Structures are given as C-alpha cells and as structure tokens.
C-alpha cells in the first residue's frame, strides 16, 4: 500500500484535541491551572466556529471540560498523560484512492526515559483511529506530528535533533528515517534542519520540533520564523536555517520561496529566552487559528502575513502565551484529520 500525507491546507473532516489534566505540565496553583484550561478551551472554541472538534478528556477532567466547552465540542472520555495531540495522536495520511488512514508513530514523551509518562498516551493514536473509523499504519519510528511538516507533494521538513535523537531512535540514521517517511508519508525528499528554536530545549521542550520554525503555506512557499533581535539566540539559529532553506529545492525541484514572519518583540518569559513564534498556527477549513502574544502591533503584522499567505481564509488570533509557557503552541495541541478524496 502506498500512503501520502496531504498538505495541511487540504479540506479537513475535523480537529482532534486533548483536554488538559492536572500534573507538572499544567502547573501548580489554582490560577495557573485555570489559565491552562482556558487556553486550550479558547483554541477549541475558535476552531469549532468553522469545523468539528473532538476532544479526548481524562476521566478526572470530564466535568470541567463539559462546563467549559458545552455542546460546541464533542467530548470523548479516555485516560491521558499528555495533552499535545499533534504529538501523541496519529498523523493522518491517504492512499492512492484518497481514503484516510492513521500513522501510529511510537510515542515516548519526546525522549523521556520514564515509561510512566506515556503509559496511556502510547495507545492514543490507535484509539483515535478507531473513533475515526480508519485503518492504522504502524511505524517503529519514534516520532511526533510536530516534528514534521509536509507540502503535500512529497517534501518533508524534519530536524536532526528530533528524529535522530538517541533518546528517541538510537539506531536511526537519515537514510532509515527517510525510508520510513517514504513508506508512511509518501516522502520523496526530506529537508533536514540542524536544530529547532533555543527555548525548545528547556525542560518541557521537544528538542527541536519544526512546527515552530517553518511550515509550507503552499507547495514551494515556506513561512519561516524570523527573530530579528540579535540579542536573542534564535537570531543566529534562524540565520543558519534560512541559509539552508535558501539553498534547497523541494521534491519537484523548485527553489523555495521564503516568507519571513517576524517574532514578537518580547524576548524572555519566566524560563529565560522564549520561543514565541507565529509559525505554530493551525490551518483549517476557511480559517487560520493564529498564535497571539499580547503585542498588538506584532500580532496584527503576523495576522496580515498569514492572511496573504492563505488567501480565502479568515485569520483568528488566540492568545497562546499560556500554551507556550507549557511547551508548545496552537499547532502543537491540535491534530487535523483530512477529508477523504473522492
């Protein structure tokens, strides 16, 4: 069977999410936890204005989820550890006839050595595939959905510190990863980035997910994080990554058109240099759910860039600061399911 992953701009059936539950990621203190719950709920409700959302909810949080989301979002009860559905959930692909399947990567909580961190999450991809009524494509690669981006025409972005992480895939090399991406995603060319953003390597980071660095707005068109302040370490990181992409071609031999998306002006948060990025947005039917950071000018500038990059879609900005404080953004907490192609 031949599989391929369509572009995220392709028509979608729904978005999958997971509701936060108490623990280290959500944070301590009533006000901190409430801010986390509210951030996840705000994203879900924004998406639900445009297309269906199904939320997986740990049994300990079902009452809260019902109170916060009402009937706008479908709620499914299941035990969870984490609530980053892009990573612990499946990656949806299509076959040659356009029918949907779900890739079940091995999930080990971003290279964590403690199996208690993923004992329930390890089966989430198959659980969601069952709810969606689609077959499972099993993989022995430790990978997460936030660690890849595709253009829908055979090009895949990946990061050396993710798929080649010795805590994820100790025996993998680029050739093996590329072969698995060819089998599961229909990859014809993998463009490897050497690293992710600096803040993605702190305690709750992913060690370099690409979905905060670069994404395809269309085949051959790349939206790229642009840290313009030389006082932030990501200024040098992004200069290196941009130089790599400027020298690259995609699977069809096209030079990449790069659209820089300037970062917010705020450089630090409670953990040090932040990784605030407008790249971590979600494209859905008729809309783009964008990350906001409480900076009116920078948020508006990013929204305008996204509106131009995704013509015909309404840009809806949701405050993502509480999500980033916990290790990710809007794209990280969502997983899109494409529509079958007729």
C-alpha atoms as a PDB file:
ATOM      1  CA  UNK A   1       0.000   0.000   0.000  1.00  0.00           C
ATOM      2  CA  UNK A   2       1.240   3.490  -0.884  1.00  0.00           C
ATOM      3  CA  UNK A   3       0.482   6.307   1.544  1.00  0.00           C
ATOM      4  CA  UNK A   4       0.999  10.045   1.340  1.00  0.00           C
ATOM      5  CA  UNK A   5       0.323  12.933   3.682  1.00  0.00           C
ATOM      6  CA  UNK A   6      -1.694  15.755   2.134  1.00  0.00           C
ATOM      7  CA  UNK A   7      -0.887  19.376   2.842  1.00  0.00           C
ATOM      8  CA  UNK A   8      -2.452  20.852   5.958  1.00  0.00           C
ATOM      9  CA  UNK A   9      -4.342  23.261   3.714  1.00  0.00           C
ATOM     10  CA  UNK A  10      -6.337  20.375   2.181  1.00  0.00           C
ATOM     11  CA  UNK A  11     -10.027  20.060   3.176  1.00  0.00           C
ATOM     12  CA  UNK A  12     -10.487  18.640   6.663  1.00  0.00           C
ATOM     13  CA  UNK A  13     -13.077  16.498   8.438  1.00  0.00           C
ATOM     14  CA  UNK A  14     -12.277  17.599  11.965  1.00  0.00           C
ATOM     15  CA  UNK A  15      -9.662  18.592  14.515  1.00  0.00           C
ATOM     16  CA  UNK A  16      -8.626  16.304  17.371  1.00  0.00           C
ATOM     17  CA  UNK A  17      -7.531  17.727  20.719  1.00  0.00           C
ATOM     18  CA  UNK A  18      -6.956  16.566  24.305  1.00  0.00           C
ATOM     19  CA  UNK A  19      -8.170  18.472  27.340  1.00  0.00           C
ATOM     20  CA  UNK A  20      -5.550  19.407  29.958  1.00  0.00           C
ATOM     21  CA  UNK A  21      -5.316  17.393  33.151  1.00  0.00           C
ATOM     22  CA  UNK A  22      -3.595  18.158  36.405  1.00  0.00           C
ATOM     23  CA  UNK A  23       0.134  17.450  36.520  1.00  0.00           C
ATOM     24  CA  UNK A  24       3.533  19.020  36.007  1.00  0.00           C
ATOM     25  CA  UNK A  25       2.758  20.352  32.530  1.00  0.00           C
ATOM     26  CA  UNK A  26      -0.450  22.109  33.553  1.00  0.00           C
ATOM     27  CA  UNK A  27       1.305  23.699  36.504  1.00  0.00           C
ATOM     28  CA  UNK A  28       0.763  24.348  40.183  1.00  0.00           C
ATOM     29  CA  UNK A  29      -1.674  26.729  41.816  1.00  0.00           C
ATOM     30  CA  UNK A  30      -5.322  27.321  41.043  1.00  0.00           C
ATOM     31  CA  UNK A  31      -4.795  30.432  38.915  1.00  0.00           C
ATOM     32  CA  UNK A  32      -2.053  28.793  36.840  1.00  0.00           C
ATOM     33  CA  UNK A  33      -4.105  25.686  36.184  1.00  0.00           C
ATOM     34  CA  UNK A  34      -7.177  27.724  35.284  1.00  0.00           C
ATOM     35  CA  UNK A  35      -5.125  29.712  32.765  1.00  0.00           C
ATOM     36  CA  UNK A  36      -4.060  26.466  31.101  1.00  0.00           C
ATOM     37  CA  UNK A  37      -7.587  25.084  30.917  1.00  0.00           C
ATOM     38  CA  UNK A  38      -8.800  28.382  29.470  1.00  0.00           C
ATOM     39  CA  UNK A  39      -6.110  28.498  26.774  1.00  0.00           C
ATOM     40  CA  UNK A  40      -6.940  25.002  25.484  1.00  0.00           C
ATOM     41  CA  UNK A  41     -10.674  25.719  25.602  1.00  0.00           C
ATOM     42  CA  UNK A  42     -10.277  29.014  23.731  1.00  0.00           C
ATOM     43  CA  UNK A  43      -8.475  27.252  20.873  1.00  0.00           C
ATOM     44  CA  UNK A  44     -11.114  24.517  20.685  1.00  0.00           C
ATOM     45  CA  UNK A  45     -13.985  27.005  20.645  1.00  0.00           C
ATOM     46  CA  UNK A  46     -12.292  29.118  17.959  1.00  0.00           C
ATOM     47  CA  UNK A  47     -11.903  26.053  15.719  1.00  0.00           C
ATOM     48  CA  UNK A  48     -15.475  24.902  16.387  1.00  0.00           C
ATOM     49  CA  UNK A  49     -16.762  28.028  14.669  1.00  0.00           C
ATOM     50  CA  UNK A  50     -15.501  26.545  11.396  1.00  0.00           C
ATOM     51  CA  UNK A  51     -15.440  22.743  11.676  1.00  0.00           C
ATOM     52  CA  UNK A  52     -15.989  19.865  14.125  1.00  0.00           C
ATOM     53  CA  UNK A  53     -13.660  19.375  17.077  1.00  0.00           C
ATOM     54  CA  UNK A  54     -13.345  16.156  19.068  1.00  0.00           C
ATOM     55  CA  UNK A  55     -11.693  16.477  22.474  1.00  0.00           C
ATOM     56  CA  UNK A  56     -10.235  13.484  24.326  1.00  0.00           C
ATOM     57  CA  UNK A  57     -10.766  14.033  28.060  1.00  0.00           C
ATOM     58  CA  UNK A  58      -9.215  12.250  31.020  1.00  0.00           C
ATOM     59  CA  UNK A  59     -11.934  10.951  33.394  1.00  0.00           C
ATOM     60  CA  UNK A  60     -10.677  13.322  36.100  1.00  0.00           C
ATOM     61  CA  UNK A  61     -11.462  16.339  33.890  1.00  0.00           C
ATOM     62  CA  UNK A  62     -14.768  15.477  32.197  1.00  0.00           C
ATOM     63  CA  UNK A  63     -16.948  17.689  34.410  1.00  0.00           C
ATOM     64  CA  UNK A  64     -14.661  20.665  33.857  1.00  0.00           C
ATOM     65  CA  UNK A  65     -14.497  20.050  30.092  1.00  0.00           C
ATOM     66  CA  UNK A  66     -18.309  19.925  29.850  1.00  0.00           C
ATOM     67  CA  UNK A  67     -18.614  23.156  31.804  1.00  0.00           C
ATOM     68  CA  UNK A  68     -16.054  24.979  29.666  1.00  0.00           C
ATOM     69  CA  UNK A  69     -16.919  23.617  26.225  1.00  0.00           C
ATOM     70  CA  UNK A  70     -20.627  22.816  26.430  1.00  0.00           C
ATOM     71  CA  UNK A  71     -22.048  21.307  23.268  1.00  0.00           C
ATOM     72  CA  UNK A  72     -19.677  23.125  20.902  1.00  0.00           C
ATOM     73  CA  UNK A  73     -17.073  20.343  21.089  1.00  0.00           C
ATOM     74  CA  UNK A  74     -17.524  16.566  21.070  1.00  0.00           C
ATOM     75  CA  UNK A  75     -16.051  15.067  24.251  1.00  0.00           C
ATOM     76  CA  UNK A  76     -14.690  11.506  24.453  1.00  0.00           C
ATOM     77  CA  UNK A  77     -13.507  10.084  27.776  1.00  0.00           C
ATOM     78  CA  UNK A  78     -10.180   8.258  27.919  1.00  0.00           C
ATOM     79  CA  UNK A  79      -7.226   8.235  30.356  1.00  0.00           C
ATOM     80  CA  UNK A  80      -4.362  10.536  29.295  1.00  0.00           C
ATOM     81  CA  UNK A  81      -0.957  11.670  30.467  1.00  0.00           C
ATOM     82  CA  UNK A  82      -0.291  14.466  27.979  1.00  0.00           C
ATOM     83  CA  UNK A  83      -2.489  16.845  26.022  1.00  0.00           C
ATOM     84  CA  UNK A  84      -0.330  17.679  22.998  1.00  0.00           C
ATOM     85  CA  UNK A  85      -2.413  15.821  20.415  1.00  0.00           C
ATOM     86  CA  UNK A  86      -0.184  16.754  17.493  1.00  0.00           C
ATOM     87  CA  UNK A  87       2.471  14.561  19.077  1.00  0.00           C
ATOM     88  CA  UNK A  88       0.743  11.756  20.969  1.00  0.00           C
ATOM     89  CA  UNK A  89      -2.063  11.347  18.433  1.00  0.00           C
ATOM     90  CA  UNK A  90      -1.906   9.891  14.921  1.00  0.00           C
ATOM     91  CA  UNK A  91      -0.690  11.520  11.729  1.00  0.00           C
ATOM     92  CA  UNK A  92      -3.393  11.154   9.088  1.00  0.00           C
ATOM     93  CA  UNK A  93      -2.465  10.090   5.556  1.00  0.00           C
ATOM     94  CA  UNK A  94      -4.263   8.983   2.384  1.00  0.00           C
ATOM     95  CA  UNK A  95      -3.964   6.109  -0.034  1.00  0.00           C
ATOM     96  CA  UNK A  96      -3.989   6.376  -3.825  1.00  0.00           C
ATOM     97  CA  UNK A  97      -7.795   6.335  -3.832  1.00  0.00           C
ATOM     98  CA  UNK A  98      -7.930   9.219  -1.359  1.00  0.00           C
ATOM     99  CA  UNK A  99      -9.086   7.183   1.628  1.00  0.00           C
ATOM    100  CA  UNK A 100      -7.775   8.113   5.072  1.00  0.00           C
ATOM    101  CA  UNK A 101      -5.510   6.112   7.380  1.00  0.00           C
ATOM    102  CA  UNK A 102      -3.706   6.970  10.624  1.00  0.00           C
ATOM    103  CA  UNK A 103       0.039   6.589  11.156  1.00  0.00           C
ATOM    104  CA  UNK A 104       0.780   5.305  14.647  1.00  0.00           C
ATOM    105  CA  UNK A 105       4.290   6.508  15.483  1.00  0.00           C
ATOM    106  CA  UNK A 106       5.908   5.242  18.653  1.00  0.00           C
ATOM    107  CA  UNK A 107       5.459   7.943  21.287  1.00  0.00           C
ATOM    108  CA  UNK A 108       7.875   8.115  24.240  1.00  0.00           C
ATOM    109  CA  UNK A 109       7.130  11.622  25.530  1.00  0.00           C
ATOM    110  CA  UNK A 110       9.837  13.371  23.486  1.00  0.00           C
ATOM    111  CA  UNK A 111      12.612  11.027  24.536  1.00  0.00           C
ATOM    112  CA  UNK A 112      11.676  10.642  28.196  1.00  0.00           C
ATOM    113  CA  UNK A 113      13.288   7.657  29.938  1.00  0.00           C
ATOM    114  CA  UNK A 114      10.274   7.224  32.249  1.00  0.00           C
ATOM    115  CA  UNK A 115       7.561   4.928  30.767  1.00  0.00           C
ATOM    116  CA  UNK A 116       5.068   6.279  33.325  1.00  0.00           C
ATOM    117  CA  UNK A 117       4.999   9.460  31.244  1.00  0.00           C
ATOM    118  CA  UNK A 118       3.361   7.740  28.294  1.00  0.00           C
ATOM    119  CA  UNK A 119       1.626   4.599  29.543  1.00  0.00           C
ATOM    120  CA  UNK A 120      -1.801   5.842  28.404  1.00  0.00           C
ATOM    121  CA  UNK A 121      -0.624   8.064  25.536  1.00  0.00           C
ATOM    122  CA  UNK A 122       1.139   5.199  23.738  1.00  0.00           C
ATOM    123  CA  UNK A 123      -2.254   3.832  22.577  1.00  0.00           C
ATOM    124  CA  UNK A 124      -3.883   7.160  21.777  1.00  0.00           C
ATOM    125  CA  UNK A 125      -3.191   7.078  18.040  1.00  0.00           C
ATOM    126  CA  UNK A 126      -4.922   3.721  17.629  1.00  0.00           C
ATOM    127  CA  UNK A 127      -7.794   4.879  19.845  1.00  0.00           C
ATOM    128  CA  UNK A 128      -8.374   7.963  17.692  1.00  0.00           C
ATOM    129  CA  UNK A 129      -8.083   5.893  14.507  1.00  0.00           C
ATOM    130  CA  UNK A 130     -10.833   3.650  15.874  1.00  0.00           C
ATOM    131  CA  UNK A 131     -13.084   6.620  16.594  1.00  0.00           C
ATOM    132  CA  UNK A 132     -12.395   7.971  13.105  1.00  0.00           C
ATOM    133  CA  UNK A 133     -13.078   4.563  11.556  1.00  0.00           C
ATOM    134  CA  UNK A 134      -9.817   4.473   9.612  1.00  0.00           C
ATOM    135  CA  UNK A 135      -7.081   1.822   9.343  1.00  0.00           C
ATOM    136  CA  UNK A 136      -3.817   2.130  11.264  1.00  0.00           C
ATOM    137  CA  UNK A 137      -0.412   2.351   9.581  1.00  0.00           C
ATOM    138  CA  UNK A 138       2.017   1.083  12.223  1.00  0.00           C
ATOM    139  CA  UNK A 139       5.521   2.504  12.479  1.00  0.00           C
ATOM    140  CA  UNK A 140       8.557   1.574  14.568  1.00  0.00           C
ATOM    141  CA  UNK A 141       9.889   5.137  14.336  1.00  0.00           C
ATOM    142  CA  UNK A 142       9.700   7.287  17.453  1.00  0.00           C
ATOM    143  CA  UNK A 143       8.280  10.485  16.033  1.00  0.00           C
ATOM    144  CA  UNK A 144       5.730  13.186  16.717  1.00  0.00           C
ATOM    145  CA  UNK A 145       3.429  15.132  14.422  1.00  0.00           C
ATOM    146  CA  UNK A 146       5.065  18.394  15.444  1.00  0.00           C
ATOM    147  CA  UNK A 147       8.391  17.041  14.260  1.00  0.00           C
ATOM    148  CA  UNK A 148       7.369  17.100  10.596  1.00  0.00           C
ATOM    149  CA  UNK A 149       5.767  19.413   8.068  1.00  0.00           C
ATOM    150  CA  UNK A 150       4.827  18.429   4.513  1.00  0.00           C
ATOM    151  CA  UNK A 151       3.913  20.281   1.347  1.00  0.00           C
ATOM    152  CA  UNK A 152       1.521  17.583   0.079  1.00  0.00           C
ATOM    153  CA  UNK A 153       3.741  16.980  -2.948  1.00  0.00           C
ATOM    154  CA  UNK A 154       6.441  14.813  -1.428  1.00  0.00           C
ATOM    155  CA  UNK A 155       8.563  17.295   0.526  1.00  0.00           C
ATOM    156  CA  UNK A 156       9.041  16.842   4.280  1.00  0.00           C
ATOM    157  CA  UNK A 157      10.738  19.062   6.846  1.00  0.00           C
ATOM    158  CA  UNK A 158      12.487  17.251   9.705  1.00  0.00           C
ATOM    159  CA  UNK A 159      15.025  18.136  12.395  1.00  0.00           C
ATOM    160  CA  UNK A 160      18.223  16.263  13.190  1.00  0.00           C
ATOM    161  CA  UNK A 161      17.727  16.691  16.949  1.00  0.00           C
ATOM    162  CA  UNK A 162      14.271  15.084  16.810  1.00  0.00           C
ATOM    163  CA  UNK A 163      14.184  12.015  14.563  1.00  0.00           C
ATOM    164  CA  UNK A 164      17.908  11.330  15.139  1.00  0.00           C
ATOM    165  CA  UNK A 165      17.675  11.947  18.882  1.00  0.00           C
ATOM    166  CA  UNK A 166      19.408   9.000  20.639  1.00  0.00           C
ATOM    167  CA  UNK A 167      16.652   9.045  23.270  1.00  0.00           C
ATOM    168  CA  UNK A 168      14.105   8.547  20.506  1.00  0.00           C
ATOM    169  CA  UNK A 169      15.751   6.493  17.786  1.00  0.00           C
ATOM    170  CA  UNK A 170      19.222   5.424  18.968  1.00  0.00           C
ATOM    171  CA  UNK A 171      19.912   3.266  15.912  1.00  0.00           C
ATOM    172  CA  UNK A 172      18.471   5.538  13.239  1.00  0.00           C
ATOM    173  CA  UNK A 173      20.329   7.479  10.591  1.00  0.00           C
ATOM    174  CA  UNK A 174      18.974   9.832   7.949  1.00  0.00           C
ATOM    175  CA  UNK A 175      18.603   7.093   5.350  1.00  0.00           C
ATOM    176  CA  UNK A 176      16.464   4.946   7.653  1.00  0.00           C
ATOM    177  CA  UNK A 177      14.277   7.866   8.672  1.00  0.00           C
ATOM    178  CA  UNK A 178      13.856   8.944   5.059  1.00  0.00           C
ATOM    179  CA  UNK A 179      12.875   5.401   4.051  1.00  0.00           C
ATOM    180  CA  UNK A 180      10.230   5.314   6.789  1.00  0.00           C
ATOM    181  CA  UNK A 181       8.916   8.734   5.762  1.00  0.00           C
ATOM    182  CA  UNK A 182       8.714   7.490   2.177  1.00  0.00           C
ATOM    183  CA  UNK A 183       6.683   4.474   3.328  1.00  0.00           C
ATOM    184  CA  UNK A 184       4.338   6.293   5.690  1.00  0.00           C
ATOM    185  CA  UNK A 185       4.124   9.849   4.315  1.00  0.00           C
ATOM    186  CA  UNK A 186       4.940   9.418   0.638  1.00  0.00           C
ATOM    187  CA  UNK A 187       8.105  11.476   1.097  1.00  0.00           C
ATOM    188  CA  UNK A 188      10.235  11.959  -1.985  1.00  0.00           C
ATOM    189  CA  UNK A 189      12.603  14.458  -0.372  1.00  0.00           C
ATOM    190  CA  UNK A 190      13.372  15.223   3.276  1.00  0.00           C
ATOM    191  CA  UNK A 191      14.849  18.631   4.040  1.00  0.00           C
ATOM    192  CA  UNK A 192      16.808  18.314   7.276  1.00  0.00           C
ATOM    193  CA  UNK A 193      17.189  21.268   9.613  1.00  0.00           C
ATOM    194  CA  UNK A 194      20.044  21.028  12.137  1.00  0.00           C
ATOM    195  CA  UNK A 195      18.050  22.208  15.170  1.00  0.00           C
ATOM    196  CA  UNK A 196      14.950  23.969  16.420  1.00  0.00           C
ATOM    197  CA  UNK A 197      14.493  27.133  18.462  1.00  0.00           C
ATOM    198  CA  UNK A 198      16.577  27.652  21.585  1.00  0.00           C
ATOM    199  CA  UNK A 199      13.651  27.609  24.017  1.00  0.00           C
ATOM    200  CA  UNK A 200      12.528  24.234  22.697  1.00  0.00           C
ATOM    201  CA  UNK A 201      15.402  22.564  24.529  1.00  0.00           C
ATOM    202  CA  UNK A 202      14.358  23.519  28.055  1.00  0.00           C
ATOM    203  CA  UNK A 203      12.611  21.154  30.478  1.00  0.00           C
ATOM    204  CA  UNK A 204       9.257  20.905  28.705  1.00  0.00           C
ATOM    205  CA  UNK A 205      10.640  21.342  25.199  1.00  0.00           C
ATOM    206  CA  UNK A 206      10.533  18.894  22.300  1.00  0.00           C
ATOM    207  CA  UNK A 207      14.243  19.204  21.373  1.00  0.00           C
ATOM    208  CA  UNK A 208      13.613  20.902  18.070  1.00  0.00           C
ATOM    209  CA  UNK A 209      10.176  20.473  16.548  1.00  0.00           C
ATOM    210  CA  UNK A 210       9.957  22.027  13.113  1.00  0.00           C
ATOM    211  CA  UNK A 211       6.360  23.245  13.516  1.00  0.00           C
ATOM    212  CA  UNK A 212       7.589  26.259  15.451  1.00  0.00           C
ATOM    213  CA  UNK A 213      10.320  27.044  12.903  1.00  0.00           C
ATOM    214  CA  UNK A 214       8.995  26.633   9.359  1.00  0.00           C
ATOM    215  CA  UNK A 215       5.867  25.478   7.542  1.00  0.00           C
ATOM    216  CA  UNK A 216       4.551  25.240   3.995  1.00  0.00           C
ATOM    217  CA  UNK A 217       1.860  27.757   3.127  1.00  0.00           C
ATOM    218  CA  UNK A 218       1.704  26.141  -0.316  1.00  0.00           C
ATOM    219  CA  UNK A 219       4.000  23.904  -2.384  1.00  0.00           C
ATOM    220  CA  UNK A 220       7.256  25.795  -2.790  1.00  0.00           C
ATOM    221  CA  UNK A 221       6.229  28.523  -0.324  1.00  0.00           C
ATOM    222  CA  UNK A 222       7.691  28.477   3.194  1.00  0.00           C
ATOM    223  CA  UNK A 223       6.660  30.599   6.152  1.00  0.00           C
ATOM    224  CA  UNK A 224       9.773  30.999   8.306  1.00  0.00           C
ATOM    225  CA  UNK A 225      10.224  32.228  11.868  1.00  0.00           C
ATOM    226  CA  UNK A 226      12.206  35.465  11.859  1.00  0.00           C
ATOM    227  CA  UNK A 227      13.847  36.525  15.122  1.00  0.00           C
ATOM    228  CA  UNK A 228      15.113  39.965  14.181  1.00  0.00           C
ATOM    229  CA  UNK A 229      16.681  40.902  17.511  1.00  0.00           C
ATOM    230  CA  UNK A 230      20.385  39.904  17.639  1.00  0.00           C
ATOM    231  CA  UNK A 231      20.125  39.795  21.429  1.00  0.00           C
ATOM    232  CA  UNK A 232      18.031  36.635  21.200  1.00  0.00           C
ATOM    233  CA  UNK A 233      19.945  33.395  20.488  1.00  0.00           C
ATOM    234  CA  UNK A 234      17.358  32.431  17.859  1.00  0.00           C
ATOM    235  CA  UNK A 235      18.595  35.303  15.700  1.00  0.00           C
ATOM    236  CA  UNK A 236      21.713  33.271  14.885  1.00  0.00           C
ATOM    237  CA  UNK A 237      19.767  29.997  14.771  1.00  0.00           C
ATOM    238  CA  UNK A 238      17.364  31.342  12.169  1.00  0.00           C
ATOM    239  CA  UNK A 239      20.123  32.884  10.060  1.00  0.00           C
ATOM    240  CA  UNK A 240      21.633  29.415   9.765  1.00  0.00           C
ATOM    241  CA  UNK A 241      18.298  27.765   8.979  1.00  0.00           C
ATOM    242  CA  UNK A 242      17.343  30.402   6.436  1.00  0.00           C
ATOM    243  CA  UNK A 243      20.655  29.918   4.615  1.00  0.00           C
ATOM    244  CA  UNK A 244      19.955  26.176   4.418  1.00  0.00           C
ATOM    245  CA  UNK A 245      16.448  26.702   3.022  1.00  0.00           C
ATOM    246  CA  UNK A 246      17.588  29.322   0.524  1.00  0.00           C
ATOM    247  CA  UNK A 247      19.978  26.731  -0.949  1.00  0.00           C
ATOM    248  CA  UNK A 248      17.344  23.967  -1.047  1.00  0.00           C
ATOM    249  CA  UNK A 249      14.814  22.779  -3.599  1.00  0.00           C
ATOM    250  CA  UNK A 250      11.651  20.806  -2.928  1.00  0.00           C
ATOM    251  CA  UNK A 251      10.689  17.336  -4.163  1.00  0.00           C
ATOM    252  CA  UNK A 252       9.739  18.792  -7.548  1.00  0.00           C
ATOM    253  CA  UNK A 253      12.980  20.729  -7.926  1.00  0.00           C
ATOM    254  CA  UNK A 254      11.559  24.162  -7.147  1.00  0.00           C
ATOM    255  CA  UNK A 255      13.558  26.758  -5.251  1.00  0.00           C
ATOM    256  CA  UNK A 256      11.775  27.630  -2.033  1.00  0.00           C
ATOM    257  CA  UNK A 257      10.056  30.998  -1.756  1.00  0.00           C
ATOM    258  CA  UNK A 258      10.662  32.110   1.831  1.00  0.00           C
ATOM    259  CA  UNK A 259       8.249  34.418   3.633  1.00  0.00           C
ATOM    260  CA  UNK A 260       9.732  35.640   6.935  1.00  0.00           C
ATOM    261  CA  UNK A 261       7.297  36.036   9.819  1.00  0.00           C
ATOM    262  CA  UNK A 262       8.828  38.360  12.442  1.00  0.00           C
ATOM    263  CA  UNK A 263       8.773  37.169  16.042  1.00  0.00           C
ATOM    264  CA  UNK A 264       7.133  39.206  18.802  1.00  0.00           C
ATOM    265  CA  UNK A 265       9.320  41.838  20.429  1.00  0.00           C
ATOM    266  CA  UNK A 266       9.232  40.173  23.852  1.00  0.00           C
ATOM    267  CA  UNK A 267      12.439  38.167  24.230  1.00  0.00           C
ATOM    268  CA  UNK A 268      12.062  36.382  27.566  1.00  0.00           C
ATOM    269  CA  UNK A 269       9.491  34.704  29.760  1.00  0.00           C
ATOM    270  CA  UNK A 270       9.664  33.046  33.173  1.00  0.00           C
ATOM    271  CA  UNK A 271      12.057  30.397  31.818  1.00  0.00           C
ATOM    272  CA  UNK A 272      14.502  32.676  30.002  1.00  0.00           C
ATOM    273  CA  UNK A 273      14.638  33.362  26.261  1.00  0.00           C
ATOM    274  CA  UNK A 274      11.244  32.434  24.852  1.00  0.00           C
ATOM    275  CA  UNK A 275      10.392  30.600  21.636  1.00  0.00           C
ATOM    276  CA  UNK A 276       7.276  32.617  20.816  1.00  0.00           C
ATOM    277  CA  UNK A 277       6.539  32.014  17.164  1.00  0.00           C
ATOM    278  CA  UNK A 278       3.692  32.759  14.784  1.00  0.00           C
ATOM    279  CA  UNK A 279       4.684  29.732  12.693  1.00  0.00           C
ATOM    280  CA  UNK A 280       2.853  27.447  15.139  1.00  0.00           C
ATOM    281  CA  UNK A 281      -0.568  28.253  13.663  1.00  0.00           C
ATOM    282  CA  UNK A 282      -3.303  25.879  12.517  1.00  0.00           C
ATOM    283  CA  UNK A 283      -4.901  25.951   9.072  1.00  0.00           C
ATOM    284  CA  UNK A 284      -8.496  24.700   8.978  1.00  0.00           C
ATOM    285  CA  UNK A 285     -11.459  24.934   6.626  1.00  0.00           C
ATOM    286  CA  UNK A 286     -11.902  28.616   5.870  1.00  0.00           C
ATOM    287  CA  UNK A 287      -9.632  29.891   8.624  1.00  0.00           C
ATOM    288  CA  UNK A 288      -6.212  30.091  10.221  1.00  0.00           C
ATOM    289  CA  UNK A 289      -6.051  29.882  14.014  1.00  0.00           C
ATOM    290  CA  UNK A 290      -3.055  32.075  14.786  1.00  0.00           C
ATOM    291  CA  UNK A 291      -0.985  32.466  17.934  1.00  0.00           C
ATOM    292  CA  UNK A 292      -1.234  35.808  19.708  1.00  0.00           C
ATOM    293  CA  UNK A 293       1.199  37.112  22.308  1.00  0.00           C
ATOM    294  CA  UNK A 294      -0.465  40.235  23.641  1.00  0.00           C
ATOM    295  CA  UNK A 295       1.524  42.522  21.350  1.00  0.00           C
ATOM    296  CA  UNK A 296      -0.962  44.468  19.272  1.00  0.00           C
ATOM    297  CA  UNK A 297       1.425  45.576  16.537  1.00  0.00           C
ATOM    298  CA  UNK A 298       3.320  42.275  16.172  1.00  0.00           C
ATOM    299  CA  UNK A 299       0.166  40.154  16.364  1.00  0.00           C
ATOM    300  CA  UNK A 300      -1.518  42.274  13.687  1.00  0.00           C
ATOM    301  CA  UNK A 301       1.544  42.128  11.440  1.00  0.00           C
ATOM    302  CA  UNK A 302       1.656  38.339  11.692  1.00  0.00           C
ATOM    303  CA  UNK A 303      -2.082  38.063  11.027  1.00  0.00           C
ATOM    304  CA  UNK A 304      -1.673  40.137   7.879  1.00  0.00           C
ATOM    305  CA  UNK A 305       1.178  37.924   6.634  1.00  0.00           C
ATOM    306  CA  UNK A 306      -0.873  34.782   7.297  1.00  0.00           C
ATOM    307  CA  UNK A 307      -3.937  36.259   5.570  1.00  0.00           C
ATOM    308  CA  UNK A 308      -1.880  36.924   2.458  1.00  0.00           C
ATOM    309  CA  UNK A 309      -0.203  33.514   2.588  1.00  0.00           C
ATOM    310  CA  UNK A 310      -3.535  31.682   2.948  1.00  0.00           C
ATOM    311  CA  UNK A 311      -5.947  33.555   0.658  1.00  0.00           C
ATOM    312  CA  UNK A 312      -9.625  32.900   1.317  1.00  0.00           C
ATOM    313  CA  UNK A 313      -9.088  32.008   4.974  1.00  0.00           C
ATOM    314  CA  UNK A 314     -10.072  34.182   7.922  1.00  0.00           C
ATOM    315  CA  UNK A 315      -7.266  34.683  10.441  1.00  0.00           C
ATOM    316  CA  UNK A 316      -8.444  34.234  14.041  1.00  0.00           C
ATOM    317  CA  UNK A 317      -5.846  35.108  16.666  1.00  0.00           C
ATOM    318  CA  UNK A 318      -5.978  33.304  20.023  1.00  0.00           C
ATOM    319  CA  UNK A 319      -3.719  34.249  22.935  1.00  0.00           C
ATOM    320  CA  UNK A 320      -1.116  31.470  23.025  1.00  0.00           C
ATOM    321  CA  UNK A 321       1.125  32.675  25.855  1.00  0.00           C
ATOM    322  CA  UNK A 322      -0.220  30.153  28.359  1.00  0.00           C
ATOM    323  CA  UNK A 323       0.249  27.340  25.815  1.00  0.00           C
ATOM    324  CA  UNK A 324       3.840  28.379  25.067  1.00  0.00           C
ATOM    325  CA  UNK A 325       4.533  28.597  28.803  1.00  0.00           C
ATOM    326  CA  UNK A 326       3.775  24.871  28.918  1.00  0.00           C
ATOM    327  CA  UNK A 327       5.917  23.895  25.944  1.00  0.00           C
ATOM    328  CA  UNK A 328       4.080  24.475  22.667  1.00  0.00           C
ATOM    329  CA  UNK A 329       1.521  26.428  20.661  1.00  0.00           C
ATOM    330  CA  UNK A 330      -1.767  26.175  18.786  1.00  0.00           C
ATOM    331  CA  UNK A 331      -0.446  23.696  16.229  1.00  0.00           C
ATOM    332  CA  UNK A 332       1.025  21.512  18.978  1.00  0.00           C
ATOM    333  CA  UNK A 333      -2.285  20.959  20.777  1.00  0.00           C
ATOM    334  CA  UNK A 334      -4.290  20.087  17.667  1.00  0.00           C
ATOM    335  CA  UNK A 335      -4.276  17.323  15.059  1.00  0.00           C
ATOM    336  CA  UNK A 336      -6.127  17.664  11.765  1.00  0.00           C
ATOM    337  CA  UNK A 337      -7.949  14.850  10.008  1.00  0.00           C
ATOM    338  CA  UNK A 338      -8.236  15.379   6.222  1.00  0.00           C
ATOM    339  CA  UNK A 339     -11.377  14.638   4.274  1.00  0.00           C
ATOM    340  CA  UNK A 340     -11.289  11.552   2.065  1.00  0.00           C
ATOM    341  CA  UNK A 341     -10.679  12.476  -1.543  1.00  0.00           C
ATOM    342  CA  UNK A 342     -13.466  11.375  -3.867  1.00  0.00           C
END
